[in-house]
Structures are given as structure tokens and as C-alpha cells.
Amino acid sequence: MRPCAEGELKGIISDLDGVAYRGDSAIPDAVEAFRRWRAAGIPYAFVTNNATRSAADFATKLTRMGIVTEPEHVFCAVSATASLLRRRWPSATTVFAIGEQPLFEALGEAGYTQAGENAEIVVLGFDRALTYDKLRTAVRAALGGAPVVVTNPDMLVPVEEGFEPCVGVLMAAVQAAVPDCRPIVVGKPEPAMIEEALGFLGTPRNGTIMIGDQVNTDIAAGKRAGLRSILVKTGVAASATAVFQPDRTVASLLELF
């Protein structure tokens, strides 16, 4: 294995969308790379800002594609958002959430009750059925003083036929309407999920790499967690103005061998 900063590669933390797959299509080189790492006994875990599925859903999808994964290997924005709310607000707090069923289930299991314009917290997640009414309710709750929690700040998400707008676009809309709003971002570039994944792997920080396709989220989070960070050019185009830059850029994960 190629060296990782200091010494040999001991562990891998990776993004999913744009790295392992695009939409429902696996990226063949990624499948082969993770197959080789597994055969070599190098442990891996995944961190994803995608808030539309549970860890079990992601594990099933990856295993079906050829990347053998258990639910405990996946750290996702859904569980991280519920964890943050539990740390900061009592379960009796009311929430207005924009998102999909896994997010609603996680918030419900954590004890939070859905409310409307009078909600005490606004949670913004990915929602393919986003409507003006939902945006209006979120804005009115934020204008009323409700803190805004955002599952992830990504502007784009890679899909099979290109890209789709992501949660960052919704966050920008709420901020434009409520200039005093200071959203609390849960996912990358915040390093919390990476720290959880690193603890799960039990590998040394200087022997573990972070792999991602977005500089402003994946690479930034990896760098903030003190990991050597690799950008793979199979997802969103790299930003030339990013504060953090990758240690290495590859067109395929197979270049890491």
C-alpha cells in the first residue's frame, strides 16, 4: 500500500456520493479499490452528508454494489442530526423539519415532536418534495427566533445524469429571508462524523486517509480532523477558491495503489 503521510496506510474514511457511486450506479474503480483494501485487511468506514437514508440503507446499497459494508461502518447526517439535537435540546422541544422519512423517523425516535410556524427548532434536510409552503413555514419559524439546524451544506449532489441542488441551496434561501439566521451545520465540513468514524476504526490519525469528491465539505472536514485528504475527480468539480486543498488529487481510486 502507498504510504499515508507517515508510515503505511492503516485505515480509510470515505464519502459516498460521487466517490463510491453516482445515484444508483456504482463507480467501478471504487468498487475494485474497496475490494482490494478489504482483501488487504485495511478497515474502512463511510461518512455521508446524505440525509435521505439510514445507515442500514447505505450498507445494503454498498454491499449490493460490491463494497461489503455493515451499518456500523456508515456515519450519516440523519443520525448525526438527531444526536446533535439530543445534546442541545430536551426531547419535549418542538421541531419543524424539511426532509424525508429517515430524518423524520430519527427525530421521532429521539423524542422530538413536529410542529409548524411556532416550532422551537427548524431542521433543514434534503427533500425531493420541497414546496413553497414548507419553505414559508421554515422562514416564519426562523423569523420567530427558532434556531436553524442544517443536515449538510452541500450545494450540489451528484446523480447518474449530472447534478441536483442540495440542502445548501435551501439553507441559502432561509438565510436570504432571515439575515440574522446563523445556521448550525451538522455534516461536513464539520469534522464530527469523521471523528466518530475514526474512533470506530481505531486506526492512528496519521495512518488514516479521508477520501472525498468535494473540497469545501469532504476535504475541509478531513483536514479539520487532521487526516491526509484525497480528492477523487468522479463527483462535483473542485473549487479553486477553497480554504482547504487536498493532499492529493486522483481521477480514480485505483491510483492509490
Protein backbone atom coordinates (compact mmCIF):
# COMPACT_ATOMS: atom_id res chain seq x y z
CA MET A 1 0.00 0.00 0.00
CA ARG A 2 1.11 3.56 -0.66
CA PRO A 3 2.38 5.46 2.40
CA CYS A 4 -0.06 7.74 4.19
CA ALA A 5 1.69 10.87 5.48
CA GLU A 6 3.85 8.84 7.85
CA GLY A 7 4.09 5.07 7.58
CA GLU A 8 1.74 2.69 5.80
CA LEU A 9 -1.95 3.11 5.17
CA LYS A 10 -3.88 1.80 8.19
CA GLY A 11 -7.46 2.95 7.64
CA ILE A 12 -9.81 4.67 5.21
CA ILE A 13 -12.69 7.06 5.77
CA SER A 14 -14.63 7.90 2.63
CA ASP A 15 -17.54 9.92 1.34
CA LEU A 16 -20.21 8.06 -0.67
CA ASP A 17 -22.00 10.18 -3.31
CA GLY A 18 -19.54 10.89 -6.12
CA VAL A 19 -16.89 8.57 -4.66
CA ALA A 20 -18.43 5.09 -4.35
CA TYR A 21 -21.37 5.72 -6.65
CA ARG A 22 -23.38 8.27 -8.58
CA GLY A 23 -27.09 7.86 -7.87
CA ASP A 24 -27.82 4.15 -8.17
CA SER A 25 -24.79 3.40 -10.33
CA ALA A 26 -21.59 2.13 -8.73
CA ILE A 27 -18.26 3.65 -9.78
CA PRO A 28 -16.39 0.52 -10.93
CA ASP A 29 -12.90 1.71 -9.92
CA ALA A 30 -14.17 2.50 -6.42
CA VAL A 31 -15.71 -0.95 -6.06
CA GLU A 32 -12.41 -2.54 -7.06
CA ALA A 33 -10.40 -0.27 -4.74
CA PHE A 34 -12.50 -1.13 -1.69
CA ARG A 35 -12.38 -4.82 -2.64
CA ARG A 36 -8.57 -4.65 -2.62
CA TRP A 37 -8.47 -2.76 0.69
CA ARG A 38 -10.79 -5.30 2.29
CA ALA A 39 -8.65 -8.17 0.97
CA ALA A 40 -5.56 -6.49 2.42
CA GLY A 41 -7.22 -6.18 5.83
CA ILE A 42 -7.38 -2.36 5.78
CA PRO A 43 -10.56 -1.25 7.58
CA TYR A 44 -12.83 1.40 6.12
CA ALA A 45 -15.81 3.49 7.16
CA PHE A 46 -18.07 5.92 5.36
CA VAL A 47 -19.22 9.43 6.26
CA THR A 48 -22.02 10.94 4.22
CA ASN A 49 -23.94 14.20 4.23
CA ASN A 50 -26.83 12.42 2.53
CA ALA A 51 -29.83 12.72 4.85
CA THR A 52 -32.29 10.66 2.81
CA ARG A 53 -31.32 7.17 4.04
CA SER A 54 -30.38 5.36 7.24
CA ALA A 55 -27.01 3.72 7.90
CA ALA A 56 -28.60 0.32 7.24
CA ASP A 57 -29.92 1.55 3.88
CA PHE A 58 -26.47 2.76 2.85
CA ALA A 59 -24.83 -0.50 3.94
CA THR A 60 -27.32 -2.54 1.93
CA LYS A 61 -26.77 -0.36 -1.15
CA LEU A 62 -22.97 -0.57 -0.91
CA THR A 63 -22.94 -4.34 -0.36
CA ARG A 64 -25.26 -4.83 -3.33
CA MET A 65 -22.79 -2.83 -5.45
CA GLY A 66 -19.87 -4.98 -4.34
CA ILE A 67 -18.47 -2.94 -1.42
CA VAL A 68 -19.08 -5.15 1.61
CA THR A 69 -20.38 -2.89 4.38
CA GLU A 70 -22.18 -3.24 7.71
CA PRO A 71 -24.46 -0.49 9.12
CA GLU A 72 -21.95 0.32 11.86
CA HIS A 73 -19.43 1.28 9.15
CA VAL A 74 -21.65 4.17 7.99
CA PHE A 75 -21.89 7.55 9.74
CA CYS A 76 -24.62 9.66 8.17
CA ALA A 77 -26.21 13.09 8.54
CA VAL A 78 -29.52 11.63 9.73
CA SER A 79 -28.12 10.06 12.91
CA ALA A 80 -25.68 12.94 13.43
CA THR A 81 -28.51 15.49 13.31
CA ALA A 82 -30.59 13.57 15.84
CA SER A 83 -27.51 13.25 18.09
CA LEU A 84 -26.84 16.99 17.95
CA LEU A 85 -30.44 17.81 18.89
CA ARG A 86 -30.30 15.39 21.83
CA ARG A 87 -27.14 17.09 23.10
CA ARG A 88 -28.56 20.60 22.87
CA TRP A 89 -32.33 20.47 23.41
CA PRO A 90 -34.68 18.37 25.57
CA SER A 91 -36.84 15.84 23.76
CA ALA A 92 -40.02 17.82 24.50
CA THR A 93 -38.81 20.59 22.16
CA THR A 94 -40.94 21.06 19.03
CA VAL A 95 -39.36 20.86 15.58
CA PHE A 96 -40.31 21.84 12.06
CA ALA A 97 -38.25 19.65 9.73
CA ILE A 98 -37.87 19.67 5.97
CA GLY A 99 -36.58 16.31 4.81
CA GLU A 100 -37.52 12.75 4.00
CA GLN A 101 -38.75 9.79 6.02
CA PRO A 102 -35.42 8.62 7.56
CA LEU A 103 -34.87 12.10 9.04
CA PHE A 104 -38.42 12.25 10.43
CA GLU A 105 -38.00 8.77 11.92
CA ALA A 106 -34.69 9.67 13.58
CA LEU A 107 -36.15 12.85 15.09
CA GLY A 108 -39.25 10.96 16.27
CA GLU A 109 -37.15 8.22 17.86
CA ALA A 110 -35.18 10.94 19.66
CA GLY A 111 -38.48 12.22 21.12
CA TYR A 112 -38.99 15.42 19.11
CA THR A 113 -42.49 16.45 18.06
CA GLN A 114 -43.28 18.01 14.68
CA ALA A 115 -44.79 21.48 14.73
CA GLY A 116 -45.41 24.36 12.29
CA GLU A 117 -44.58 28.06 12.34
CA ASN A 118 -44.36 28.05 16.14
CA ALA A 119 -41.71 25.30 16.21
CA GLU A 120 -38.80 25.88 18.58
CA ILE A 121 -36.22 24.42 16.15
CA VAL A 122 -36.05 24.32 12.34
CA VAL A 123 -34.24 21.37 10.74
CA LEU A 124 -33.33 21.60 7.06
CA GLY A 125 -32.61 18.39 5.16
CA PHE A 126 -32.84 17.09 1.61
CA ASP A 127 -36.41 16.94 0.35
CA ARG A 128 -37.34 15.87 -3.18
CA ALA A 129 -40.91 17.03 -2.47
CA LEU A 130 -39.89 20.53 -1.32
CA THR A 131 -42.71 23.07 -1.67
CA TYR A 132 -43.15 26.77 -1.20
CA ASP A 133 -45.38 26.08 1.82
CA LYS A 134 -42.57 24.16 3.53
CA LEU A 135 -40.08 26.96 2.84
CA ARG A 136 -42.56 29.57 4.11
CA THR A 137 -43.08 27.65 7.36
CA ALA A 138 -39.32 27.30 7.91
CA VAL A 139 -38.77 31.01 7.27
CA ARG A 140 -41.58 32.07 9.61
CA ALA A 141 -40.30 29.83 12.39
CA ALA A 142 -36.78 31.23 11.91
CA LEU A 143 -38.14 34.79 11.94
CA GLY A 144 -39.77 33.90 15.24
CA GLY A 145 -36.36 33.05 16.71
CA ALA A 146 -36.13 29.29 16.14
CA PRO A 147 -32.52 28.15 15.63
CA VAL A 148 -31.90 26.54 12.24
CA VAL A 149 -30.10 23.18 12.14
CA VAL A 150 -28.85 22.03 8.73
CA THR A 151 -28.07 18.39 7.98
CA ASN A 152 -25.38 19.40 5.46
CA PRO A 153 -24.29 22.48 3.49
CA ASP A 154 -23.71 20.83 0.08
CA MET A 155 -24.94 22.94 -2.83
CA LEU A 156 -24.94 20.05 -5.32
CA VAL A 157 -25.29 16.28 -5.14
CA PRO A 158 -24.02 14.04 -7.99
CA VAL A 159 -26.60 11.79 -9.64
CA GLU A 160 -26.43 9.49 -12.65
CA GLU A 161 -27.45 12.16 -15.14
CA GLY A 162 -25.45 15.05 -13.66
CA PHE A 163 -26.13 17.07 -10.52
CA GLU A 164 -29.09 18.17 -8.42
CA PRO A 165 -29.43 21.07 -5.94
CA CYS A 166 -28.83 20.00 -2.37
CA VAL A 167 -29.53 21.27 1.15
CA GLY A 168 -27.11 24.19 0.91
CA VAL A 169 -29.46 25.81 -1.60
CA LEU A 170 -32.32 25.60 0.91
CA MET A 171 -30.09 26.94 3.69
CA ALA A 172 -29.12 29.90 1.46
CA ALA A 173 -32.79 30.65 0.79
CA VAL A 174 -33.62 30.75 4.51
CA GLN A 175 -30.56 32.90 5.25
CA ALA A 176 -31.56 35.33 2.49
CA ALA A 177 -35.01 35.71 4.05
CA VAL A 178 -33.70 35.81 7.64
CA PRO A 179 -30.37 37.69 7.54
CA ASP A 180 -29.78 37.29 11.30
CA CYS A 181 -30.02 33.50 11.00
CA ARG A 182 -26.80 31.65 11.88
CA PRO A 183 -27.40 28.02 10.86
CA ILE A 184 -25.91 25.18 12.88
CA VAL A 185 -24.35 22.82 10.31
CA VAL A 186 -24.19 19.15 11.30
CA GLY A 187 -22.44 17.40 8.40
CA LYS A 188 -19.16 18.00 6.64
CA PRO A 189 -17.20 20.33 6.64
CA GLU A 190 -17.78 19.92 10.38
CA PRO A 191 -15.43 17.09 11.46
CA ALA A 192 -17.79 15.38 13.96
CA MET A 193 -18.74 12.41 11.76
CA ILE A 194 -15.11 11.85 10.78
CA GLU A 195 -14.06 11.81 14.43
CA GLU A 196 -16.79 9.22 15.13
CA ALA A 197 -15.64 7.09 12.18
CA LEU A 198 -12.00 7.35 13.29
CA GLY A 199 -12.96 6.19 16.78
CA PHE A 200 -14.86 3.27 15.28
CA LEU A 201 -11.90 2.21 13.12
CA GLY A 202 -9.41 2.57 15.95
CA THR A 203 -6.67 3.45 13.47
CA PRO A 204 -3.97 6.09 14.03
CA ARG A 205 -4.78 9.56 12.74
CA ASN A 206 -1.52 9.77 10.78
CA GLY A 207 -2.20 6.42 9.12
CA THR A 208 -5.79 7.12 8.07
CA ILE A 209 -6.93 8.94 4.94
CA MET A 210 -10.11 10.82 4.10
CA ILE A 211 -11.42 10.40 0.54
CA GLY A 212 -13.98 12.75 -0.99
CA ASP A 213 -15.15 14.44 -4.17
CA GLN A 214 -15.93 17.90 -2.76
CA VAL A 215 -13.23 20.22 -1.48
CA ASN A 216 -15.46 22.51 0.58
CA THR A 217 -17.06 19.63 2.52
CA ASP A 218 -15.11 16.35 2.34
CA ILE A 219 -11.57 17.71 2.10
CA ALA A 220 -12.24 20.53 4.56
CA ALA A 221 -13.66 18.06 7.11
CA GLY A 222 -10.74 15.68 6.64
CA LYS A 223 -8.21 18.45 7.11
CA ARG A 224 -10.01 19.78 10.18
CA ALA A 225 -9.87 16.27 11.63
CA GLY A 226 -6.11 16.15 10.98
CA LEU A 227 -6.26 13.50 8.24
CA ARG A 228 -4.40 13.30 4.97
CA SER A 229 -7.17 14.02 2.45
CA ILE A 230 -7.56 12.71 -1.09
CA LEU A 231 -9.79 14.33 -3.72
CA VAL A 232 -11.18 11.99 -6.37
CA LYS A 233 -12.49 13.66 -9.53
CA THR A 234 -15.56 11.46 -10.00
CA GLY A 235 -18.03 13.85 -8.39
CA VAL A 236 -18.51 17.61 -8.02
CA ALA A 237 -15.87 19.79 -9.74
CA ALA A 238 -13.19 21.11 -7.38
CA SER A 239 -13.35 24.71 -6.18
CA ALA A 240 -10.34 26.90 -6.97
CA THR A 241 -11.20 29.23 -4.07
CA ALA A 242 -11.48 26.64 -1.31
CA VAL A 243 -9.77 27.39 2.00
CA PHE A 244 -8.53 23.79 2.28
CA GLN A 245 -6.80 21.93 -0.52
CA PRO A 246 -6.35 18.15 -0.88
CA ASP A 247 -3.02 16.45 -0.22
CA ARG A 248 -3.50 14.58 -3.48
CA THR A 249 -5.96 14.61 -6.38
CA VAL A 250 -6.73 11.45 -8.39
CA ALA A 251 -9.00 10.62 -11.28
CA SER A 252 -9.60 7.09 -9.93
CA LEU A 253 -9.20 5.43 -6.53
CA LEU A 254 -7.07 2.79 -8.23
CA GLU A 255 -4.33 5.42 -8.49
CA LEU A 256 -3.86 5.00 -4.74
CA PHE A 257 -2.36 1.52 -5.24
